[in-house]
Protein backbone atom coordinates (compact mmCIF):
# COMPACT_ATOMS: atom_id res chain seq x y z
CA MET A 1 -2.81 7.02 -23.02
CA VAL A 2 0.14 9.20 -21.63
CA TYR A 3 3.31 7.82 -22.21
CA LEU A 4 5.99 8.92 -20.37
CA SER A 5 9.60 9.83 -20.55
CA PRO A 6 12.23 8.34 -18.58
CA ASN A 7 13.86 11.97 -18.61
CA GLU A 8 11.44 13.62 -17.01
CA ILE A 9 9.53 13.54 -13.79
CA SER A 10 5.87 14.33 -14.62
CA PHE A 11 2.43 12.88 -14.74
CA PRO A 12 -1.14 13.68 -15.84
CA ASP A 13 -3.63 15.42 -13.42
CA PRO A 14 -5.67 12.28 -12.33
CA HIS A 15 -8.18 15.13 -11.66
CA PHE A 16 -8.86 15.80 -15.46
CA LEU A 17 -7.48 12.18 -16.66
CA GLU A 18 -10.19 9.81 -17.06
CA SER A 19 -10.03 6.25 -17.42
CA GLU A 20 -12.06 3.31 -17.05
CA SER A 21 -9.44 0.92 -16.01
CA GLY A 22 -7.86 3.58 -13.77
CA LEU A 23 -5.02 3.36 -15.76
CA MET A 24 -3.35 6.94 -16.01
CA ALA A 25 -0.07 6.59 -17.78
CA ILE A 26 2.55 4.29 -19.13
CA GLY A 27 6.38 4.27 -18.72
CA GLY A 28 8.89 6.56 -17.11
CA ASP A 29 11.06 4.97 -14.63
CA LEU A 30 10.81 3.88 -10.85
CA SER A 31 13.16 6.29 -9.67
CA PRO A 32 12.40 7.29 -5.56
CA GLU A 33 11.68 10.89 -7.12
CA ARG A 34 8.84 9.68 -9.41
CA LEU A 35 7.51 7.02 -7.05
CA LEU A 36 7.39 9.90 -4.05
CA PHE A 37 5.49 12.31 -6.89
CA ALA A 38 3.54 9.79 -7.91
CA TYR A 39 1.75 8.93 -4.47
CA GLN A 40 1.78 12.53 -3.77
CA LEU A 41 -0.47 13.00 -6.78
CA GLY A 42 -2.75 9.80 -5.77
CA LEU A 43 -0.84 7.36 -8.57
CA PHE A 44 1.01 4.44 -8.09
CA PRO A 45 2.61 1.58 -9.94
CA TRP A 46 1.49 -1.87 -10.72
CA PHE A 47 2.65 -4.05 -13.42
CA ASN A 48 4.13 -7.65 -14.20
CA GLU A 49 8.01 -7.82 -14.08
CA GLY A 50 9.55 -7.15 -17.54
CA GLU A 51 6.72 -5.48 -18.89
CA GLU A 52 6.07 -1.62 -19.15
CA ILE A 53 5.67 0.21 -16.29
CA LEU A 54 1.56 1.16 -15.09
CA TRP A 55 0.89 3.89 -13.40
CA TRP A 56 -2.76 4.12 -11.81
CA CYS A 57 -5.57 6.19 -9.83
CA PRO A 58 -8.58 3.89 -10.04
CA ASN A 59 -12.34 5.36 -9.65
CA PRO A 60 -13.70 4.57 -7.35
CA ARG A 61 -10.49 4.18 -4.61
CA PHE A 62 -10.67 1.53 -1.95
CA VAL A 63 -9.99 3.06 1.43
CA ILE A 64 -10.51 2.87 4.98
CA PHE A 65 -11.03 5.06 7.68
CA PRO A 66 -9.24 4.49 10.69
CA ASN A 67 -12.54 5.39 12.87
CA GLN A 68 -14.31 2.94 10.84
CA LEU A 69 -12.32 -0.23 11.22
CA LYS A 70 -14.08 -3.61 11.92
CA VAL A 71 -12.60 -5.41 14.23
CA SER A 72 -14.62 -9.21 14.87
CA LYS A 73 -14.56 -10.76 18.51
CA SER A 74 -11.97 -13.53 17.01
CA MET A 75 -9.53 -10.98 16.05
CA LYS A 76 -10.57 -9.41 19.34
CA LYS A 77 -9.50 -12.42 21.05
CA ILE A 78 -6.42 -13.33 18.86
CA LEU A 79 -5.10 -9.41 19.71
CA ARG A 80 -5.99 -9.80 23.39
CA ASP A 81 -4.34 -13.35 23.68
CA GLU A 82 -0.99 -12.11 22.28
CA VAL A 83 -0.92 -14.48 19.55
CA PHE A 84 1.48 -12.28 17.56
CA THR A 85 3.85 -9.41 18.25
CA PHE A 86 4.35 -6.18 15.98
CA THR A 87 7.02 -4.00 15.19
CA GLU A 88 7.42 -1.15 12.78
CA ASN A 89 10.44 -0.68 10.08
CA GLN A 90 12.79 -3.50 11.56
CA CYS A 91 13.37 -5.32 8.36
CA PHE A 92 11.88 -3.09 5.57
CA ARG A 93 13.56 -4.53 2.69
CA ARG A 94 12.95 -8.09 4.39
CA VAL A 95 9.30 -7.40 4.24
CA MET A 96 9.21 -6.37 0.26
CA GLU A 97 11.18 -9.61 -0.45
CA GLU A 98 8.61 -11.52 1.19
CA CYS A 99 5.73 -9.62 -0.62
CA LYS A 100 7.25 -9.99 -3.74
CA ASN A 101 7.49 -13.69 -2.97
CA ALA A 102 4.46 -14.57 -1.87
CA TYR A 103 1.60 -16.71 -3.76
CA ARG A 104 -1.25 -14.73 -5.00
CA LYS A 105 -4.44 -16.32 -6.15
CA ASP A 106 -5.16 -15.59 -9.87
CA GLN A 107 -1.99 -13.77 -10.16
CA ASP A 108 0.70 -15.25 -12.50
CA GLY A 109 3.33 -12.68 -11.73
CA THR A 110 4.40 -9.82 -9.14
CA TRP A 111 5.11 -6.05 -9.62
CA ILE A 112 7.37 -5.74 -7.05
CA SER A 113 10.72 -5.66 -9.03
CA ASN A 114 14.26 -5.58 -7.93
CA GLU A 115 14.47 -2.35 -9.45
CA LEU A 116 11.28 -1.35 -7.51
CA ILE A 117 12.79 -2.91 -4.02
CA ASN A 118 15.71 -0.68 -4.26
CA SER A 119 13.57 2.95 -4.87
CA PHE A 120 11.26 1.82 -2.22
CA GLU A 121 14.47 1.20 0.17
CA ILE A 122 15.67 4.69 -0.39
CA LEU A 123 12.27 6.24 0.56
CA HIS A 124 12.33 3.96 3.60
CA GLN A 125 15.81 5.35 4.72
CA ASN A 126 14.14 8.49 4.09
CA GLY A 127 11.42 8.17 6.45
CA ILE A 128 8.40 7.79 3.81
CA ALA A 129 8.30 4.29 2.88
CA LYS A 130 7.55 1.99 5.91
CA SER A 131 6.95 -1.36 6.73
CA VAL A 132 4.94 -3.20 9.64
CA GLU A 133 6.14 -6.65 10.97
CA ILE A 134 4.16 -9.50 12.60
CA TRP A 135 6.37 -12.18 14.39
CA GLN A 136 5.29 -15.13 16.41
CA ASN A 137 7.95 -17.08 18.41
CA LYS A 138 10.44 -14.62 17.17
CA GLU A 139 9.57 -15.90 13.44
CA LEU A 140 8.51 -13.38 10.62
CA VAL A 141 4.95 -14.61 9.83
CA GLY A 142 3.10 -11.56 8.13
CA GLY A 143 4.06 -7.88 6.96
CA PHE A 144 3.35 -5.17 4.86
CA TYR A 145 4.71 -2.35 3.67
CA GLY A 146 3.38 1.53 2.01
CA VAL A 147 4.05 4.81 1.72
CA GLN A 148 3.12 7.77 3.90
CA ILE A 149 2.17 11.00 2.30
CA GLY A 150 1.37 13.62 5.27
CA LYS A 151 -1.86 12.00 7.20
CA VAL A 152 -2.32 9.48 4.59
CA PHE A 153 -0.71 5.82 4.71
CA CYS A 154 -0.62 4.29 1.01
CA GLY A 155 -0.88 0.36 1.59
CA GLU A 156 1.30 -1.38 -1.40
CA SER A 157 1.30 -5.01 -0.32
CA MET A 158 1.07 -7.50 2.38
CA PHE A 159 2.00 -11.06 2.94
CA SER A 160 1.28 -13.98 5.79
CA LYS A 161 2.39 -17.22 6.45
CA VAL A 162 -0.03 -18.27 9.20
CA SER A 163 -3.74 -17.93 9.40
CA ASN A 164 -4.57 -14.05 10.42
CA ALA A 165 -1.17 -12.72 10.96
CA SER A 166 -1.39 -9.83 8.28
CA LYS A 167 -4.84 -9.29 9.63
CA ALA A 168 -3.96 -9.00 13.33
CA GLY A 169 -0.93 -6.74 11.98
CA PHE A 170 -3.26 -4.21 9.98
CA ILE A 171 -5.34 -4.05 12.96
CA ASN A 172 -2.85 -3.32 15.19
CA PHE A 173 -1.31 -0.63 13.07
CA VAL A 174 -4.61 1.09 12.27
CA GLN A 175 -5.25 1.31 16.21
CA LYS A 176 -1.91 2.43 16.68
CA ASN A 177 -1.77 5.26 14.38
CA SER A 178 -5.62 6.45 14.30
CA GLU A 179 -4.78 9.62 15.60
CA GLU A 180 -2.33 10.31 13.30
CA LEU A 181 -3.73 8.87 9.86
CA GLN A 182 -6.90 10.25 8.61
CA LEU A 183 -6.91 7.71 5.83
CA ILE A 184 -5.36 4.23 4.59
CA ASP A 185 -5.55 3.95 0.80
CA CYS A 186 -6.17 0.08 0.16
CA GLN A 187 -5.85 1.03 -3.73
CA ILE A 188 -7.63 -1.97 -5.00
CA HIS A 189 -10.90 -4.10 -3.81
CA THR A 190 -9.98 -7.55 -1.94
CA GLU A 191 -12.62 -9.24 0.50
CA HIS A 192 -9.79 -9.38 2.91
CA LEU A 193 -9.74 -5.64 3.80
CA GLU A 194 -13.61 -5.00 3.10
CA SER A 195 -13.87 -7.11 6.23
CA LEU A 196 -12.03 -5.03 7.93
CA GLY A 197 -14.13 -2.00 6.94
CA ALA A 198 -12.65 -0.71 4.09
CA THR A 199 -14.89 1.07 1.39
CA MET A 200 -14.86 2.53 -2.00
CA ILE A 201 -14.92 6.23 -2.52
CA PRO A 202 -14.93 8.22 -5.29
CA LYS A 203 -11.63 9.32 -7.09
CA LEU A 204 -12.17 13.01 -6.52
CA ASP A 205 -12.96 12.44 -2.79
CA TYR A 206 -9.77 10.62 -2.38
CA LEU A 207 -7.61 13.35 -4.49
CA LYS A 208 -9.11 15.82 -1.93
CA ILE A 209 -8.50 14.01 1.20
CA LEU A 210 -5.00 13.39 -0.26
CA LYS A 211 -3.97 16.91 -0.72
CA GLU A 212 -5.62 18.37 2.71
CA ASN A 213 -3.52 16.14 4.59
CA GLN A 214 -0.37 16.28 2.88
């Protein structure tokens, strides 16, 4: 296992470091510079607040190709009826805070610390981190955020306060950006995203696509 120094921004090369769990490194810090470098290499942070920082590059990787997006009849009707409205980058910090506070089944805590929010907000101000907001009757009912590295969007977390809100927002985002994006990194398997067409690909395939599209 590689332990990172907070005084030097470096990571092990995920092409050559194999880990059954996908854990690549421990430690370092959550500075905007380190976060950006991590995503450029194909790593992401995921840990419990108050514990050591863990950096991951799972194999296989859970992703969705925009042209393979699956939209059910019921979701098509929701979008057609304009049950929700969507915006981008209107309240980035609020979206992160809602994700931090969202209840998640089988999870005791969250990796979204205030320090992480502050660093992501800097990346957002630099046009790297983005948020999507889902509204209903002028109320924020869902959203998600992530980091865009070239033509790859790395989704980080989402929340939903009403049924189908985050799913509708994700579909809208993929459809709206299908010409610009080559891949959306979903990182870890969820049934929610699998139902929308997300699939597993080998880590090396993901890293190749990431490098070619930065």
